Amino acid sequence: MPDHPKPSNRTPRPPELKIGPFQGGIGVAVWLNEIQTAEGPKMVRSITIAPRRYRDRETGEWKDAGSFRAGDLNALILALEKAREHCLTKRLPGGQYEDEPPDNMESREPEF
């Protein structure tokens, strides 16, 4: 018998920040996720990019494009800059910034 994913008891969480949709359905979302580490749970952010959408002429069905058009670049750049700004200026739950080491870790320069 194949393994089936167990239904999650968690309520789906909306994105922390949604930018768009722009023409063609393009958009960016910032998600807040909890991961388990050796030091315990930690909050991290992930970024998703919504693909360009189009309607198939034969079936009339909406589909995701596998690429973007040159005209999409301005919307993508704007959305990604807004997502970057959000991640750099908004603290994670627990008071840390995204790339800030935890209080119990030494901050040291990488050795090259």
C-alpha atoms as a PDB file:
ATOM      1  CA  MET A   1       0.000   0.000   0.000  1.00  0.00           C
ATOM      2  CA  PRO A   2       1.535   3.376  -0.960  1.00  0.00           C
ATOM      3  CA  ASP A   3       2.292   5.969   1.668  1.00  0.00           C
ATOM      4  CA  HIS A   4      -0.043   8.929   1.537  1.00  0.00           C
ATOM      5  CA  PRO A   5       0.784  12.268   3.108  1.00  0.00           C
ATOM      6  CA  LYS A   6      -0.943  12.744   6.412  1.00  0.00           C
ATOM      7  CA  PRO A   7      -3.376  15.635   6.521  1.00  0.00           C
ATOM      8  CA  SER A   8      -1.863  18.611   8.259  1.00  0.00           C
ATOM      9  CA  ASN A   9      -3.516  19.902  11.408  1.00  0.00           C
ATOM     10  CA  ARG A  10      -2.051  23.338  10.731  1.00  0.00           C
ATOM     11  CA  THR A  11      -4.135  26.058   9.194  1.00  0.00           C
ATOM     12  CA  PRO A  12      -2.523  27.375   6.017  1.00  0.00           C
ATOM     13  CA  ARG A  13      -0.817  30.675   6.709  1.00  0.00           C
ATOM     14  CA  PRO A  14      -1.074  33.544   4.218  1.00  0.00           C
ATOM     15  CA  PRO A  15       2.132  35.124   2.922  1.00  0.00           C
ATOM     16  CA  GLU A  16       3.773  37.687   5.182  1.00  0.00           C
ATOM     17  CA  LEU A  17       3.938  40.029   2.171  1.00  0.00           C
ATOM     18  CA  LYS A  18       2.380  39.729  -1.275  1.00  0.00           C
ATOM     19  CA  ILE A  19       3.546  41.945  -4.140  1.00  0.00           C
ATOM     20  CA  GLY A  20       1.386  41.854  -7.256  1.00  0.00           C
ATOM     21  CA  PRO A  21      -0.131  40.326  -9.201  1.00  0.00           C
ATOM     22  CA  PHE A  22       1.118  42.298 -12.149  1.00  0.00           C
ATOM     23  CA  GLN A  23       0.145  41.887 -15.789  1.00  0.00           C
ATOM     24  CA  GLY A  24       0.251  38.231 -16.768  1.00  0.00           C
ATOM     25  CA  GLY A  25      -0.217  37.115 -13.151  1.00  0.00           C
ATOM     26  CA  ILE A  26       3.398  37.732 -12.162  1.00  0.00           C
ATOM     27  CA  GLY A  27       3.941  38.337  -8.464  1.00  0.00           C
ATOM     28  CA  VAL A  28       6.238  37.741  -5.530  1.00  0.00           C
ATOM     29  CA  ALA A  29       5.366  36.519  -2.038  1.00  0.00           C
ATOM     30  CA  VAL A  30       7.415  36.482   1.169  1.00  0.00           C
ATOM     31  CA  TRP A  31       6.594  33.559   3.447  1.00  0.00           C
ATOM     32  CA  LEU A  32       7.423  33.101   7.114  1.00  0.00           C
ATOM     33  CA  ASN A  33       8.323  29.495   7.904  1.00  0.00           C
ATOM     34  CA  GLU A  34       9.328  27.653  11.033  1.00  0.00           C
ATOM     35  CA  ILE A  35      12.143  25.120  10.712  1.00  0.00           C
ATOM     36  CA  GLN A  36      13.578  22.750  13.288  1.00  0.00           C
ATOM     37  CA  THR A  37      17.286  23.102  14.069  1.00  0.00           C
ATOM     38  CA  ALA A  38      19.612  21.498  16.595  1.00  0.00           C
ATOM     39  CA  GLU A  39      19.105  24.635  18.725  1.00  0.00           C
ATOM     40  CA  GLY A  40      15.320  24.376  18.458  1.00  0.00           C
ATOM     41  CA  PRO A  41      12.711  25.989  16.220  1.00  0.00           C
ATOM     42  CA  LYS A  42      13.818  28.911  14.068  1.00  0.00           C
ATOM     43  CA  MET A  43      11.838  31.286  11.870  1.00  0.00           C
ATOM     44  CA  VAL A  44      13.092  31.879   8.328  1.00  0.00           C
ATOM     45  CA  ARG A  45      11.684  33.584   5.270  1.00  0.00           C
ATOM     46  CA  SER A  46      11.329  32.168   1.785  1.00  0.00           C
ATOM     47  CA  ILE A  47      10.461  33.969  -1.420  1.00  0.00           C
ATOM     48  CA  THR A  48       8.264  32.621  -4.209  1.00  0.00           C
ATOM     49  CA  ILE A  49       7.824  34.066  -7.681  1.00  0.00           C
ATOM     50  CA  ALA A  50       4.470  33.506  -9.353  1.00  0.00           C
ATOM     51  CA  PRO A  51       4.910  32.518 -13.005  1.00  0.00           C
ATOM     52  CA  ARG A  52       3.471  34.272 -16.020  1.00  0.00           C
ATOM     53  CA  ARG A  53       0.010  32.865 -16.797  1.00  0.00           C
ATOM     54  CA  TYR A  54      -1.564  32.377 -20.199  1.00  0.00           C
ATOM     55  CA  ARG A  55      -4.709  30.855 -21.621  1.00  0.00           C
ATOM     56  CA  ASP A  56      -4.190  27.886 -23.928  1.00  0.00           C
ATOM     57  CA  ARG A  57      -5.899  28.723 -27.244  1.00  0.00           C
ATOM     58  CA  GLU A  58      -6.941  25.128 -27.893  1.00  0.00           C
ATOM     59  CA  THR A  59      -8.321  24.160 -24.478  1.00  0.00           C
ATOM     60  CA  GLY A  60      -9.123  27.560 -22.994  1.00  0.00           C
ATOM     61  CA  GLU A  61      -7.318  26.390 -19.843  1.00  0.00           C
ATOM     62  CA  TRP A  62      -5.049  28.726 -17.837  1.00  0.00           C
ATOM     63  CA  LYS A  63      -1.447  27.506 -17.661  1.00  0.00           C
ATOM     64  CA  ASP A  64       1.852  28.596 -16.134  1.00  0.00           C
ATOM     65  CA  ALA A  65       4.540  29.734 -18.563  1.00  0.00           C
ATOM     66  CA  GLY A  66       8.022  28.334 -18.111  1.00  0.00           C
ATOM     67  CA  SER A  67       9.640  31.696 -18.753  1.00  0.00           C
ATOM     68  CA  PHE A  68       9.121  35.441 -18.576  1.00  0.00           C
ATOM     69  CA  ARG A  69       9.034  38.064 -21.315  1.00  0.00           C
ATOM     70  CA  ALA A  70      11.469  40.956 -21.525  1.00  0.00           C
ATOM     71  CA  GLY A  71       8.551  43.250 -20.688  1.00  0.00           C
ATOM     72  CA  ASP A  72       8.088  41.383 -17.383  1.00  0.00           C
ATOM     73  CA  LEU A  73      11.508  42.369 -16.073  1.00  0.00           C
ATOM     74  CA  ASN A  74      10.459  45.749 -14.638  1.00  0.00           C
ATOM     75  CA  ALA A  75       7.651  44.159 -12.605  1.00  0.00           C
ATOM     76  CA  LEU A  76       9.936  41.338 -11.430  1.00  0.00           C
ATOM     77  CA  ILE A  77      12.723  43.729 -10.423  1.00  0.00           C
ATOM     78  CA  LEU A  78      10.288  45.990  -8.564  1.00  0.00           C
ATOM     79  CA  ALA A  79       8.674  43.063  -6.747  1.00  0.00           C
ATOM     80  CA  LEU A  80      11.998  41.463  -5.809  1.00  0.00           C
ATOM     81  CA  GLU A  81      13.368  44.802  -4.552  1.00  0.00           C
ATOM     82  CA  LYS A  82      10.258  45.236  -2.363  1.00  0.00           C
ATOM     83  CA  ALA A  83      10.681  41.691  -1.022  1.00  0.00           C
ATOM     84  CA  ARG A  84      14.371  42.329  -0.322  1.00  0.00           C
ATOM     85  CA  GLU A  85      13.587  45.595   1.464  1.00  0.00           C
ATOM     86  CA  HIS A  86      10.957  43.842   3.593  1.00  0.00           C
ATOM     87  CA  CYS A  87      13.364  41.051   4.571  1.00  0.00           C
ATOM     88  CA  LEU A  88      16.143  43.486   5.456  1.00  0.00           C
ATOM     89  CA  THR A  89      14.012  45.889   7.500  1.00  0.00           C
ATOM     90  CA  LYS A  90      11.440  43.681   9.282  1.00  0.00           C
ATOM     91  CA  ARG A  91      12.599  41.586  12.177  1.00  0.00           C
ATOM     92  CA  LEU A  92      11.616  37.944  12.375  1.00  0.00           C
ATOM     93  CA  PRO A  93       9.439  36.837  15.291  1.00  0.00           C
ATOM     94  CA  GLY A  94      11.875  36.579  18.173  1.00  0.00           C
ATOM     95  CA  GLY A  95      13.538  39.881  17.319  1.00  0.00           C
ATOM     96  CA  GLN A  96      16.234  38.829  14.849  1.00  0.00           C
ATOM     97  CA  TYR A  97      16.834  40.071  11.368  1.00  0.00           C
ATOM     98  CA  GLU A  98      16.990  37.439   8.634  1.00  0.00           C
ATOM     99  CA  ASP A  99      20.784  37.080   8.344  1.00  0.00           C
ATOM    100  CA  GLU A 100      21.714  38.055  11.888  1.00  0.00           C
ATOM    101  CA  PRO A 101      23.417  35.284  13.895  1.00  0.00           C
ATOM    102  CA  PRO A 102      21.520  34.113  16.997  1.00  0.00           C
ATOM    103  CA  ASP A 103      22.554  35.660  20.317  1.00  0.00           C
ATOM    104  CA  ASN A 104      24.307  32.460  21.394  1.00  0.00           C
ATOM    105  CA  MET A 105      26.558  32.306  18.295  1.00  0.00           C
ATOM    106  CA  GLU A 106      29.791  34.172  17.831  1.00  0.00           C
ATOM    107  CA  SER A 107      29.822  36.573  14.932  1.00  0.00           C
ATOM    108  CA  ARG A 108      33.099  36.136  13.131  1.00  0.00           C
ATOM    109  CA  GLU A 109      34.409  36.831   9.691  1.00  0.00           C
ATOM    110  CA  PRO A 110      34.680  33.834   7.340  1.00  0.00           C
ATOM    111  CA  GLU A 111      38.172  32.576   6.710  1.00  0.00           C
ATOM    112  CA  PHE A 112      39.325  32.489   3.103  1.00  0.00           C
END
